[in-house]
Amino acid sequence: SRTRFVPTAFGLLAPSELLDPRNNLLSYIFGGEDRFPAQQCSTEEWLAMLGALGMKTQVDRDAFLQCAKKVEALGASTSDRPPPDVLSRAGLLATHLLNNLTTLAGAPA
C-alpha cells in the first residue's frame, strides 16, 4: 500500500516505506530513524498486517543495499576515523553478507 496511514515517531508513512522493528539488522542499521511503525502500531497483529501490506521484513538484496548505503553515509559524515557505532554497524552488515552471500548474490536488485 502506498497510502501513508501508519504513524511513526515523526509522521505518517505507507507500509511499503516501513522497516520491521523485529528484524535485528534493519533495527540496528536504521535505529532512530523515521522508518519504523510507532509503538502503538508495533504489536504482533499490526506488524503481521503491515508485513502483508509491503513493510520490509527481511534483508533481501534491495534492503542490504539500503543498509550498505546508510552505513556508507554514516561513515562519510565523519572527518576522521568512523565512530565505534558506525564500525559496529559495518561489522554486522559484513557478517550478514558472509552468512547470506548466496541468497544476496542470486537475487535481482
C-alpha atoms as a PDB file:
ATOM      1  CA  SER A   1       0.000   0.000   0.000  1.00  0.00           C
ATOM      2  CA  ARG A   2       1.253   3.468  -0.896  1.00  0.00           C
ATOM      3  CA  THR A   3      -1.211   5.332   1.290  1.00  0.00           C
ATOM      4  CA  ARG A   4       0.519   6.962   4.242  1.00  0.00           C
ATOM      5  CA  PHE A   5      -1.573   5.933   7.220  1.00  0.00           C
ATOM      6  CA  VAL A   6       0.885   4.317   9.633  1.00  0.00           C
ATOM      7  CA  PRO A   7       2.086   6.572  12.455  1.00  0.00           C
ATOM      8  CA  THR A   8       5.834   6.741  13.070  1.00  0.00           C
ATOM      9  CA  ALA A   9       7.826   8.798  15.524  1.00  0.00           C
ATOM     10  CA  PHE A  10       7.810  11.772  13.138  1.00  0.00           C
ATOM     11  CA  GLY A  11       4.760  11.458  10.900  1.00  0.00           C
ATOM     12  CA  LEU A  12       2.899   9.040   8.663  1.00  0.00           C
ATOM     13  CA  LEU A  13       4.355   6.502   6.236  1.00  0.00           C
ATOM     14  CA  ALA A  14       2.965   3.910   3.861  1.00  0.00           C
ATOM     15  CA  PRO A  15       3.534   0.263   4.791  1.00  0.00           C
ATOM     16  CA  SER A  16       5.929  -0.101   1.829  1.00  0.00           C
ATOM     17  CA  GLU A  17       8.123   2.641   3.326  1.00  0.00           C
ATOM     18  CA  LEU A  18       8.417   0.924   6.708  1.00  0.00           C
ATOM     19  CA  LEU A  19      11.001  -1.450   8.130  1.00  0.00           C
ATOM     20  CA  ASP A  20      10.131  -4.270  10.522  1.00  0.00           C
ATOM     21  CA  PRO A  21      11.457  -3.433  14.017  1.00  0.00           C
ATOM     22  CA  ARG A  22      11.694  -7.191  14.742  1.00  0.00           C
ATOM     23  CA  ASN A  23      14.491  -7.549  12.190  1.00  0.00           C
ATOM     24  CA  ASN A  24      17.712  -7.058  14.147  1.00  0.00           C
ATOM     25  CA  LEU A  25      19.813  -5.900  11.210  1.00  0.00           C
ATOM     26  CA  LEU A  26      17.275  -3.350   9.986  1.00  0.00           C
ATOM     27  CA  SER A  27      16.662  -2.106  13.533  1.00  0.00           C
ATOM     28  CA  TYR A  28      20.364  -1.661  14.225  1.00  0.00           C
ATOM     29  CA  ILE A  29      21.325  -0.036  10.925  1.00  0.00           C
ATOM     30  CA  PHE A  30      18.349   2.334  10.802  1.00  0.00           C
ATOM     31  CA  GLY A  31      17.754   2.733  14.544  1.00  0.00           C
ATOM     32  CA  GLY A  32      16.477   6.165  15.497  1.00  0.00           C
ATOM     33  CA  GLU A  33      15.196   6.940  12.003  1.00  0.00           C
ATOM     34  CA  ASP A  34      11.647   7.519  10.880  1.00  0.00           C
ATOM     35  CA  ARG A  35      11.435   4.119   9.172  1.00  0.00           C
ATOM     36  CA  PHE A  36       9.625   2.090  11.846  1.00  0.00           C
ATOM     37  CA  PRO A  37       5.993   1.982  12.994  1.00  0.00           C
ATOM     38  CA  ALA A  38       5.171   3.897  16.169  1.00  0.00           C
ATOM     39  CA  GLN A  39       4.898   1.878  19.359  1.00  0.00           C
ATOM     40  CA  GLN A  40       1.104   1.641  19.194  1.00  0.00           C
ATOM     41  CA  CYS A  41       1.446   0.026  15.746  1.00  0.00           C
ATOM     42  CA  SER A  42       4.197  -2.411  16.741  1.00  0.00           C
ATOM     43  CA  THR A  43       2.096  -5.212  18.196  1.00  0.00           C
ATOM     44  CA  GLU A  44       2.383  -8.624  16.555  1.00  0.00           C
ATOM     45  CA  GLU A  45      -1.035  -8.130  14.919  1.00  0.00           C
ATOM     46  CA  TRP A  46      -0.065  -4.756  13.458  1.00  0.00           C
ATOM     47  CA  LEU A  47       3.342  -5.959  12.279  1.00  0.00           C
ATOM     48  CA  ALA A  48       1.798  -9.005  10.593  1.00  0.00           C
ATOM     49  CA  MET A  49      -0.698  -6.776   8.785  1.00  0.00           C
ATOM     50  CA  LEU A  50       1.968  -4.247   7.794  1.00  0.00           C
ATOM     51  CA  GLY A  51       4.169  -7.063   6.505  1.00  0.00           C
ATOM     52  CA  ALA A  52       1.291  -8.303   4.347  1.00  0.00           C
ATOM     53  CA  LEU A  53       0.881  -4.748   3.025  1.00  0.00           C
ATOM     54  CA  GLY A  54       4.520  -4.397   1.996  1.00  0.00           C
ATOM     55  CA  MET A  55       6.591  -3.474   5.052  1.00  0.00           C
ATOM     56  CA  LYS A  56      10.193  -4.673   4.596  1.00  0.00           C
ATOM     57  CA  THR A  57      10.531  -7.660   6.922  1.00  0.00           C
ATOM     58  CA  GLN A  58      13.603  -9.423   5.515  1.00  0.00           C
ATOM     59  CA  VAL A  59      17.010  -8.249   4.372  1.00  0.00           C
ATOM     60  CA  ASP A  60      16.854  -9.082   0.689  1.00  0.00           C
ATOM     61  CA  ARG A  61      19.278  -7.658  -1.867  1.00  0.00           C
ATOM     62  CA  ASP A  62      17.465  -4.321  -2.059  1.00  0.00           C
ATOM     63  CA  ALA A  63      17.348  -3.919   1.727  1.00  0.00           C
ATOM     64  CA  PHE A  64      21.003  -4.949   2.006  1.00  0.00           C
ATOM     65  CA  LEU A  65      21.978  -2.226  -0.470  1.00  0.00           C
ATOM     66  CA  GLN A  66      19.927   0.308   1.506  1.00  0.00           C
ATOM     67  CA  CYS A  67      21.761  -0.783   4.660  1.00  0.00           C
ATOM     68  CA  ALA A  68      25.154  -0.502   2.950  1.00  0.00           C
ATOM     69  CA  LYS A  69      24.353   2.998   1.663  1.00  0.00           C
ATOM     70  CA  LYS A  70      23.235   4.032   5.142  1.00  0.00           C
ATOM     71  CA  VAL A  71      26.463   2.770   6.734  1.00  0.00           C
ATOM     72  CA  GLU A  72      28.477   4.473   3.981  1.00  0.00           C
ATOM     73  CA  ALA A  73      26.666   7.770   4.620  1.00  0.00           C
ATOM     74  CA  LEU A  74      27.240   7.489   8.363  1.00  0.00           C
ATOM     75  CA  GLY A  75      30.940   6.823   7.769  1.00  0.00           C
ATOM     76  CA  ALA A  76      31.253   9.696   5.306  1.00  0.00           C
ATOM     77  CA  SER A  77      29.739  12.156   7.781  1.00  0.00           C
ATOM     78  CA  THR A  78      32.855  11.960   9.949  1.00  0.00           C
ATOM     79  CA  SER A  79      36.088  13.681   9.018  1.00  0.00           C
ATOM     80  CA  ASP A  80      38.333  11.221  10.821  1.00  0.00           C
ATOM     81  CA  ARG A  81      38.054   7.570  11.713  1.00  0.00           C
ATOM     82  CA  PRO A  82      34.412   6.405  11.816  1.00  0.00           C
ATOM     83  CA  PRO A  83      32.989   6.255  15.351  1.00  0.00           C
ATOM     84  CA  PRO A  84      32.524   2.871  17.057  1.00  0.00           C
ATOM     85  CA  ASP A  85      28.789   2.715  16.325  1.00  0.00           C
ATOM     86  CA  VAL A  86      29.419   3.073  12.576  1.00  0.00           C
ATOM     87  CA  LEU A  87      32.141   0.417  12.695  1.00  0.00           C
ATOM     88  CA  SER A  88      29.786  -1.867  14.624  1.00  0.00           C
ATOM     89  CA  ARG A  89      27.046  -1.402  12.018  1.00  0.00           C
ATOM     90  CA  ALA A  90      29.549  -2.089   9.242  1.00  0.00           C
ATOM     91  CA  GLY A  91      30.703  -5.244  11.015  1.00  0.00           C
ATOM     92  CA  LEU A  92      27.156  -6.512  11.456  1.00  0.00           C
ATOM     93  CA  LEU A  93      26.450  -5.818   7.793  1.00  0.00           C
ATOM     94  CA  ALA A  94      29.625  -7.653   6.713  1.00  0.00           C
ATOM     95  CA  THR A  95      28.660 -10.644   8.846  1.00  0.00           C
ATOM     96  CA  HIS A  96      25.199 -10.678   7.290  1.00  0.00           C
ATOM     97  CA  LEU A  97      26.756 -10.573   3.824  1.00  0.00           C
ATOM     98  CA  LEU A  98      29.053 -13.510   4.577  1.00  0.00           C
ATOM     99  CA  ASN A  99      26.229 -15.551   6.093  1.00  0.00           C
ATOM    100  CA  ASN A 100      23.831 -14.821   3.219  1.00  0.00           C
ATOM    101  CA  LEU A 101      26.127 -14.385   0.219  1.00  0.00           C
ATOM    102  CA  THR A 102      24.421 -16.975  -1.974  1.00  0.00           C
ATOM    103  CA  THR A 103      20.967 -15.556  -1.358  1.00  0.00           C
ATOM    104  CA  LEU A 104      22.029 -11.927  -1.761  1.00  0.00           C
ATOM    105  CA  ALA A 105      24.143 -12.557  -4.878  1.00  0.00           C
ATOM    106  CA  GLY A 106      21.413 -14.537  -6.610  1.00  0.00           C
ATOM    107  CA  ALA A 107      18.522 -12.174  -6.028  1.00  0.00           C
ATOM    108  CA  PRO A 108      17.799  -9.447  -8.588  1.00  0.00           C
ATOM    109  CA  ALA A 109      18.112  -5.870  -7.345  1.00  0.00           C
END
